[in-house]
Amino acid sequence: MKSDIHLGLTCDDVMRRWPATIRTFLDFGMGCVGCPIAGFHTLMDACEEHGIEPDRLLAALDGERSRRLTIGV
């Protein structure tokens, strides 16, 4: 199944649509949770800002989203 999470989404959009991904942002050391810029920064912007490989973040976010869909949480 293709992920709905892509680099053009804002960090805020991702966290609101899939709240379980908040832990992923924190695990990557990203301060996006509660940040006033999260509504404007795309995932790509955040990766560039924090020096994170975009594919790695997408895989982790999608993994958390998929895991939650599988267990129904």
PDB file of N, CA and C in Angstrom:
ATOM      1  N   MET A   1       0.845  -1.179   0.000  1.00  0.00           N
ATOM      2  CA  MET A   1       0.000   0.000   0.000  1.00  0.00           C
ATOM      3  C   MET A   1       0.892   1.244   0.000  1.00  0.00           C
ATOM      4  N   LYS A   2       0.563   2.213  -0.862  1.00  0.00           N
ATOM      5  CA  LYS A   2       1.329   3.447  -0.965  1.00  0.00           C
ATOM      6  C   LYS A   2       1.036   4.334   0.253  1.00  0.00           C
ATOM      7  N   SER A   3       2.073   4.941   0.758  1.00  0.00           N
ATOM      8  CA  SER A   3       1.921   5.815   1.921  1.00  0.00           C
ATOM      9  C   SER A   3       1.289   7.143   1.519  1.00  0.00           C
ATOM     10  N   ASP A   4       0.523   7.695   2.426  1.00  0.00           N
ATOM     11  CA  ASP A   4      -0.035   9.027   2.237  1.00  0.00           C
ATOM     12  C   ASP A   4       0.931  10.094   2.731  1.00  0.00           C
ATOM     13  N   ILE A   5       1.995   9.681   3.387  1.00  0.00           N
ATOM     14  CA  ILE A   5       2.973  10.625   3.927  1.00  0.00           C
ATOM     15  C   ILE A   5       4.016  10.905   2.844  1.00  0.00           C
ATOM     16  N   HIS A   6       4.213  12.191   2.554  1.00  0.00           N
ATOM     17  CA  HIS A   6       5.205  12.584   1.549  1.00  0.00           C
ATOM     18  C   HIS A   6       5.898  13.870   2.012  1.00  0.00           C
ATOM     19  N   LEU A   7       6.992  14.180   1.372  1.00  0.00           N
ATOM     20  CA  LEU A   7       7.842  15.299   1.796  1.00  0.00           C
ATOM     21  C   LEU A   7       7.192  16.668   1.645  1.00  0.00           C
ATOM     22  N   GLY A   8       6.089  16.774   0.899  1.00  0.00           N
ATOM     23  CA  GLY A   8       5.411  18.041   0.715  1.00  0.00           C
ATOM     24  C   GLY A   8       4.424  18.386   1.829  1.00  0.00           C
ATOM     25  N   LEU A   9       4.109  17.417   2.680  1.00  0.00           N
ATOM     26  CA  LEU A   9       3.211  17.682   3.813  1.00  0.00           C
ATOM     27  C   LEU A   9       3.946  18.492   4.872  1.00  0.00           C
ATOM     28  N   THR A  10       3.198  19.338   5.574  1.00  0.00           N
ATOM     29  CA  THR A  10       3.833  20.034   6.686  1.00  0.00           C
ATOM     30  C   THR A  10       3.953  19.072   7.877  1.00  0.00           C
ATOM     31  N   CYS A  11       4.877  19.376   8.740  1.00  0.00           N
ATOM     32  CA  CYS A  11       5.067  18.553   9.947  1.00  0.00           C
ATOM     33  C   CYS A  11       3.780  18.535  10.764  1.00  0.00           C
ATOM     34  N   ASP A  12       3.133  19.679  10.859  1.00  0.00           N
ATOM     35  CA  ASP A  12       1.890  19.781  11.608  1.00  0.00           C
ATOM     36  C   ASP A  12       0.801  18.890  11.007  1.00  0.00           C
ATOM     37  N   ASP A  13       0.692  18.882   9.675  1.00  0.00           N
ATOM     38  CA  ASP A  13      -0.292  18.017   9.012  1.00  0.00           C
ATOM     39  C   ASP A  13      -0.069  16.549   9.371  1.00  0.00           C
ATOM     40  N   VAL A  14       1.180  16.133   9.332  1.00  0.00           N
ATOM     41  CA  VAL A  14       1.500  14.731   9.636  1.00  0.00           C
ATOM     42  C   VAL A  14       1.126  14.397  11.075  1.00  0.00           C
ATOM     43  N   MET A  15       1.523  15.254  12.011  1.00  0.00           N
ATOM     44  CA  MET A  15       1.251  14.967  13.427  1.00  0.00           C
ATOM     45  C   MET A  15      -0.245  15.001  13.745  1.00  0.00           C
ATOM     46  N   ARG A  16      -0.990  15.852  13.056  1.00  0.00           N
ATOM     47  CA  ARG A  16      -2.442  15.916  13.291  1.00  0.00           C
ATOM     48  C   ARG A  16      -3.166  14.719  12.681  1.00  0.00           C
ATOM     49  N   ARG A  17      -2.758  14.325  11.479  1.00  0.00           N
ATOM     50  CA  ARG A  17      -3.425  13.202  10.809  1.00  0.00           C
ATOM     51  C   ARG A  17      -3.049  11.862  11.412  1.00  0.00           C
ATOM     52  N   TRP A  18      -1.798  11.747  11.857  1.00  0.00           N
ATOM     53  CA  TRP A  18      -1.293  10.496  12.431  1.00  0.00           C
ATOM     54  C   TRP A  18      -0.567  10.811  13.737  1.00  0.00           C
ATOM     55  N   PRO A  19      -1.311  11.038  14.821  1.00  0.00           N
ATOM     56  CA  PRO A  19      -0.703  11.436  16.103  1.00  0.00           C
ATOM     57  C   PRO A  19       0.398  10.499  16.596  1.00  0.00           C
ATOM     58  N   ALA A  20       0.328   9.235  16.240  1.00  0.00           N
ATOM     59  CA  ALA A  20       1.372   8.294  16.678  1.00  0.00           C
ATOM     60  C   ALA A  20       2.745   8.658  16.117  1.00  0.00           C
ATOM     61  N   THR A  21       2.786   9.467  15.050  1.00  0.00           N
ATOM     62  CA  THR A  21       4.076   9.850  14.468  1.00  0.00           C
ATOM     63  C   THR A  21       4.821  10.877  15.317  1.00  0.00           C
ATOM     64  N   ILE A  22       4.147  11.468  16.287  1.00  0.00           N
ATOM     65  CA  ILE A  22       4.822  12.432  17.164  1.00  0.00           C
ATOM     66  C   ILE A  22       6.050  11.798  17.798  1.00  0.00           C
ATOM     67  N   ARG A  23       5.933  10.567  18.234  1.00  0.00           N
ATOM     68  CA  ARG A  23       7.065   9.851  18.834  1.00  0.00           C
ATOM     69  C   ARG A  23       8.218   9.770  17.848  1.00  0.00           C
ATOM     70  N   THR A  24       7.927   9.579  16.568  1.00  0.00           N
ATOM     71  CA  THR A  24       8.982   9.490  15.549  1.00  0.00           C
ATOM     72  C   THR A  24       9.737  10.808  15.438  1.00  0.00           C
ATOM     73  N   PHE A  25       9.004  11.918  15.409  1.00  0.00           N
ATOM     74  CA  PHE A  25       9.676  13.223  15.361  1.00  0.00           C
ATOM     75  C   PHE A  25      10.601  13.383  16.567  1.00  0.00           C
ATOM     76  N   LEU A  26      10.119  13.011  17.736  1.00  0.00           N
ATOM     77  CA  LEU A  26      10.937  13.120  18.951  1.00  0.00           C
ATOM     78  C   LEU A  26      12.145  12.185  18.895  1.00  0.00           C
ATOM     79  N   ASP A  27      11.937  10.974  18.396  1.00  0.00           N
ATOM     80  CA  ASP A  27      13.044  10.013  18.285  1.00  0.00           C
ATOM     81  C   ASP A  27      14.159  10.517  17.371  1.00  0.00           C
ATOM     82  N   PHE A  28      13.785  11.312  16.374  1.00  0.00           N
ATOM     83  CA  PHE A  28      14.773  11.877  15.459  1.00  0.00           C
ATOM     84  C   PHE A  28      15.394  13.170  16.004  1.00  0.00           C
ATOM     85  N   GLY A  29      14.999  13.554  17.212  1.00  0.00           N
ATOM     86  CA  GLY A  29      15.551  14.762  17.822  1.00  0.00           C
ATOM     87  C   GLY A  29      15.010  16.035  17.212  1.00  0.00           C
ATOM     88  N   MET A  30      13.845  15.932  16.608  1.00  0.00           N
ATOM     89  CA  MET A  30      13.227  17.089  15.963  1.00  0.00           C
ATOM     90  C   MET A  30      12.279  17.755  16.953  1.00  0.00           C
ATOM     91  N   GLY A  31      12.391  19.051  17.080  1.00  0.00           N
ATOM     92  CA  GLY A  31      11.543  19.783  18.010  1.00  0.00           C
ATOM     93  C   GLY A  31      10.256  20.272  17.367  1.00  0.00           C
ATOM     94  N   CYS A  32       9.758  19.544  16.391  1.00  0.00           N
ATOM     95  CA  CYS A  32       8.571  19.970  15.638  1.00  0.00           C
ATOM     96  C   CYS A  32       7.305  19.965  16.486  1.00  0.00           C
ATOM     97  N   VAL A  33       7.269  19.134  17.497  1.00  0.00           N
ATOM     98  CA  VAL A  33       6.094  19.033  18.354  1.00  0.00           C
ATOM     99  C   VAL A  33       5.945  20.344  19.128  1.00  0.00           C
ATOM    100  N   GLY A  34       4.856  21.059  18.864  1.00  0.00           N
ATOM    101  CA  GLY A  34       4.620  22.331  19.540  1.00  0.00           C
ATOM    102  C   GLY A  34       5.352  23.523  18.940  1.00  0.00           C
ATOM    103  N   CYS A  35       6.137  23.296  17.919  1.00  0.00           N
ATOM    104  CA  CYS A  35       6.876  24.392  17.287  1.00  0.00           C
ATOM    105  C   CYS A  35       5.932  25.233  16.426  1.00  0.00           C
ATOM    106  N   PRO A  36       5.994  26.563  16.542  1.00  0.00           N
ATOM    107  CA  PRO A  36       5.109  27.403  15.736  1.00  0.00           C
ATOM    108  C   PRO A  36       5.396  27.332  14.231  1.00  0.00           C
ATOM    109  N   ILE A  37       6.563  26.855  13.860  1.00  0.00           N
ATOM    110  CA  ILE A  37       6.928  26.744  12.442  1.00  0.00           C
ATOM    111  C   ILE A  37       6.402  25.449  11.829  1.00  0.00           C
ATOM    112  N   ALA A  38       5.990  24.477  12.659  1.00  0.00           N
ATOM    113  CA  ALA A  38       5.553  23.161  12.164  1.00  0.00           C
ATOM    114  C   ALA A  38       4.407  23.257  11.165  1.00  0.00           C
ATOM    115  N   GLY A  39       3.604  24.301  11.259  1.00  0.00           N
ATOM    116  CA  GLY A  39       2.507  24.480  10.319  1.00  0.00           C
ATOM    117  C   GLY A  39       2.945  25.001   8.962  1.00  0.00           C
ATOM    118  N   PHE A  40       4.193  25.428   8.880  1.00  0.00           N
ATOM    119  CA  PHE A  40       4.723  25.987   7.636  1.00  0.00           C
ATOM    120  C   PHE A  40       5.835  25.131   7.043  1.00  0.00           C
ATOM    121  N   HIS A  41       6.592  24.445   7.903  1.00  0.00           N
ATOM    122  CA  HIS A  41       7.699  23.604   7.449  1.00  0.00           C
ATOM    123  C   HIS A  41       7.172  22.307   6.873  1.00  0.00           C
ATOM    124  N   THR A  42       7.575  22.019   5.641  1.00  0.00           N
ATOM    125  CA  THR A  42       7.269  20.705   5.088  1.00  0.00           C
ATOM    126  C   THR A  42       8.234  19.701   5.708  1.00  0.00           C
ATOM    127  N   LEU A  43       7.955  18.443   5.502  1.00  0.00           N
ATOM    128  CA  LEU A  43       8.892  17.417   5.990  1.00  0.00           C
ATOM    129  C   LEU A  43      10.272  17.638   5.375  1.00  0.00           C
ATOM    130  N   MET A  44      10.305  18.031   4.101  1.00  0.00           N
ATOM    131  CA  MET A  44      11.590  18.287   3.450  1.00  0.00           C
ATOM    132  C   MET A  44      12.311  19.452   4.114  1.00  0.00           C
ATOM    133  N   ASP A  45      11.591  20.529   4.412  1.00  0.00           N
ATOM    134  CA  ASP A  45      12.188  21.673   5.109  1.00  0.00           C
ATOM    135  C   ASP A  45      12.785  21.233   6.444  1.00  0.00           C
ATOM    136  N   ALA A  46      12.018  20.433   7.185  1.00  0.00           N
ATOM    137  CA  ALA A  46      12.461  19.985   8.511  1.00  0.00           C
ATOM    138  C   ALA A  46      13.695  19.100   8.399  1.00  0.00           C
ATOM    139  N   CYS A  47      13.719  18.227   7.391  1.00  0.00           N
ATOM    140  CA  CYS A  47      14.892  17.365   7.199  1.00  0.00           C
ATOM    141  C   CYS A  47      16.131  18.209   6.916  1.00  0.00           C
ATOM    142  N   GLU A  48      15.982  19.203   6.052  1.00  0.00           N
ATOM    143  CA  GLU A  48      17.103  20.085   5.735  1.00  0.00           C
ATOM    144  C   GLU A  48      17.557  20.853   6.971  1.00  0.00           C
ATOM    145  N   GLU A  49      16.604  21.349   7.739  1.00  0.00           N
ATOM    146  CA  GLU A  49      16.904  22.124   8.949  1.00  0.00           C
ATOM    147  C   GLU A  49      17.635  21.294  10.004  1.00  0.00           C
ATOM    148  N   HIS A  50      17.251  20.020  10.115  1.00  0.00           N
ATOM    149  CA  HIS A  50      17.800  19.161  11.166  1.00  0.00           C
ATOM    150  C   HIS A  50      18.887  18.204  10.667  1.00  0.00           C
ATOM    151  N   GLY A  51      19.227  18.273   9.377  1.00  0.00           N
ATOM    152  CA  GLY A  51      20.268  17.410   8.827  1.00  0.00           C
ATOM    153  C   GLY A  51      19.894  15.940   8.824  1.00  0.00           C
ATOM    154  N   ILE A  52      18.639  15.655   8.503  1.00  0.00           N
ATOM    155  CA  ILE A  52      18.133  14.281   8.510  1.00  0.00           C
ATOM    156  C   ILE A  52      17.888  13.828   7.077  1.00  0.00           C
ATOM    157  N   GLU A  53      18.278  12.604   6.788  1.00  0.00           N
ATOM    158  CA  GLU A  53      18.046  12.016   5.473  1.00  0.00           C
ATOM    159  C   GLU A  53      16.535  11.856   5.263  1.00  0.00           C
ATOM    160  N   PRO A  54      15.963  12.510   4.247  1.00  0.00           N
ATOM    161  CA  PRO A  54      14.514  12.466   4.042  1.00  0.00           C
ATOM    162  C   PRO A  54      13.935  11.053   3.923  1.00  0.00           C
ATOM    163  N   ASP A  55      14.617  10.181   3.192  1.00  0.00           N
ATOM    164  CA  ASP A  55      14.098   8.812   3.028  1.00  0.00           C
ATOM    165  C   ASP A  55      14.029   8.067   4.357  1.00  0.00           C
ATOM    166  N   ARG A  56      14.981   8.332   5.220  1.00  0.00           N
ATOM    167  CA  ARG A  56      14.989   7.696   6.545  1.00  0.00           C
ATOM    168  C   ARG A  56      13.800   8.151   7.383  1.00  0.00           C
ATOM    169  N   LEU A  57      13.539   9.454   7.374  1.00  0.00           N
ATOM    170  CA  LEU A  57      12.402   9.978   8.129  1.00  0.00           C
ATOM    171  C   LEU A  57      11.095   9.458   7.555  1.00  0.00           C
ATOM    172  N   LEU A  58      10.943   9.503   6.229  1.00  0.00           N
ATOM    173  CA  LEU A  58       9.710   9.001   5.609  1.00  0.00           C
ATOM    174  C   LEU A  58       9.463   7.540   5.960  1.00  0.00           C
ATOM    175  N   ALA A  59      10.499   6.732   5.913  1.00  0.00           N
ATOM    176  CA  ALA A  59      10.353   5.311   6.237  1.00  0.00           C
ATOM    177  C   ALA A  59       9.899   5.130   7.681  1.00  0.00           C
ATOM    178  N   ALA A  60      10.473   5.901   8.579  1.00  0.00           N
ATOM    179  CA  ALA A  60      10.110   5.786   9.997  1.00  0.00           C
ATOM    180  C   ALA A  60       8.675   6.264  10.239  1.00  0.00           C
ATOM    181  N   LEU A  61       8.305   7.383   9.629  1.00  0.00           N
ATOM    182  CA  LEU A  61       6.941   7.895   9.783  1.00  0.00           C
ATOM    183  C   LEU A  61       5.927   6.921   9.202  1.00  0.00           C
ATOM    184  N   ASP A  62       6.230   6.402   8.014  1.00  0.00           N
ATOM    185  CA  ASP A  62       5.321   5.462   7.377  1.00  0.00           C
ATOM    186  C   ASP A  62       5.232   4.158   8.163  1.00  0.00           C
ATOM    187  N   GLY A  63       6.364   3.743   8.724  1.00  0.00           N
ATOM    188  CA  GLY A  63       6.359   2.525   9.541  1.00  0.00           C
ATOM    189  C   GLY A  63       5.460   2.678  10.749  1.00  0.00           C
ATOM    190  N   GLU A  64       5.509   3.815  11.399  1.00  0.00           N
ATOM    191  CA  GLU A  64       4.658   4.054  12.565  1.00  0.00           C
ATOM    192  C   GLU A  64       3.192   4.137  12.150  1.00  0.00           C
ATOM    193  N   ARG A  65       2.933   4.828  11.061  1.00  0.00           N
ATOM    194  CA  ARG A  65       1.559   4.942  10.557  1.00  0.00           C
ATOM    195  C   ARG A  65       1.010   3.560  10.208  1.00  0.00           C
ATOM    196  N   SER A  66       1.784   2.769   9.499  1.00  0.00           N
ATOM    197  CA  SER A  66       1.351   1.423   9.098  1.00  0.00           C
ATOM    198  C   SER A  66       1.157   0.513  10.300  1.00  0.00           C
ATOM    199  N   ARG A  67       2.059   0.603  11.261  1.00  0.00           N
ATOM    200  CA  ARG A  67       1.955  -0.229  12.459  1.00  0.00           C
ATOM    201  C   ARG A  67       0.670   0.083  13.202  1.00  0.00           C
ATOM    202  N   ARG A  68       0.342   1.345  13.319  1.00  0.00           N
ATOM    203  CA  ARG A  68      -0.880   1.740  14.018  1.00  0.00           C
ATOM    204  C   ARG A  68      -2.117   1.286  13.262  1.00  0.00           C
ATOM    205  N   LEU A  69      -2.063   1.327  11.917  1.00  0.00           N
ATOM    206  CA  LEU A  69      -3.200   0.849  11.134  1.00  0.00           C
ATOM    207  C   LEU A  69      -3.402  -0.657  11.317  1.00  0.00           C
ATOM    208  N   THR A  70      -2.287  -1.380  11.422  1.00  0.00           N
ATOM    209  CA  THR A  70      -2.337  -2.828  11.562  1.00  0.00           C
ATOM    210  C   THR A  70      -2.907  -3.246  12.899  1.00  0.00           C
ATOM    211  N   ILE A  71      -2.502  -2.549  13.974  1.00  0.00           N
ATOM    212  CA  ILE A  71      -2.985  -2.949  15.304  1.00  0.00           C
ATOM    213  C   ILE A  71      -4.269  -2.213  15.685  1.00  0.00           C
ATOM    214  N   GLY A  72      -4.692  -1.277  14.825  1.00  0.00           N
ATOM    215  CA  GLY A  72      -5.952  -0.593  15.053  1.00  0.00           C
ATOM    216  C   GLY A  72      -5.948   0.456  16.130  1.00  0.00           C
ATOM    217  N   VAL A  73      -4.805   1.055  16.359  1.00  0.00           N
ATOM    218  CA  VAL A  73      -4.715   2.109  17.375  1.00  0.00           C
ATOM    219  C   VAL A  73      -4.675   3.451  16.694  1.00  0.00           C
TER     220      VAL A  73
END
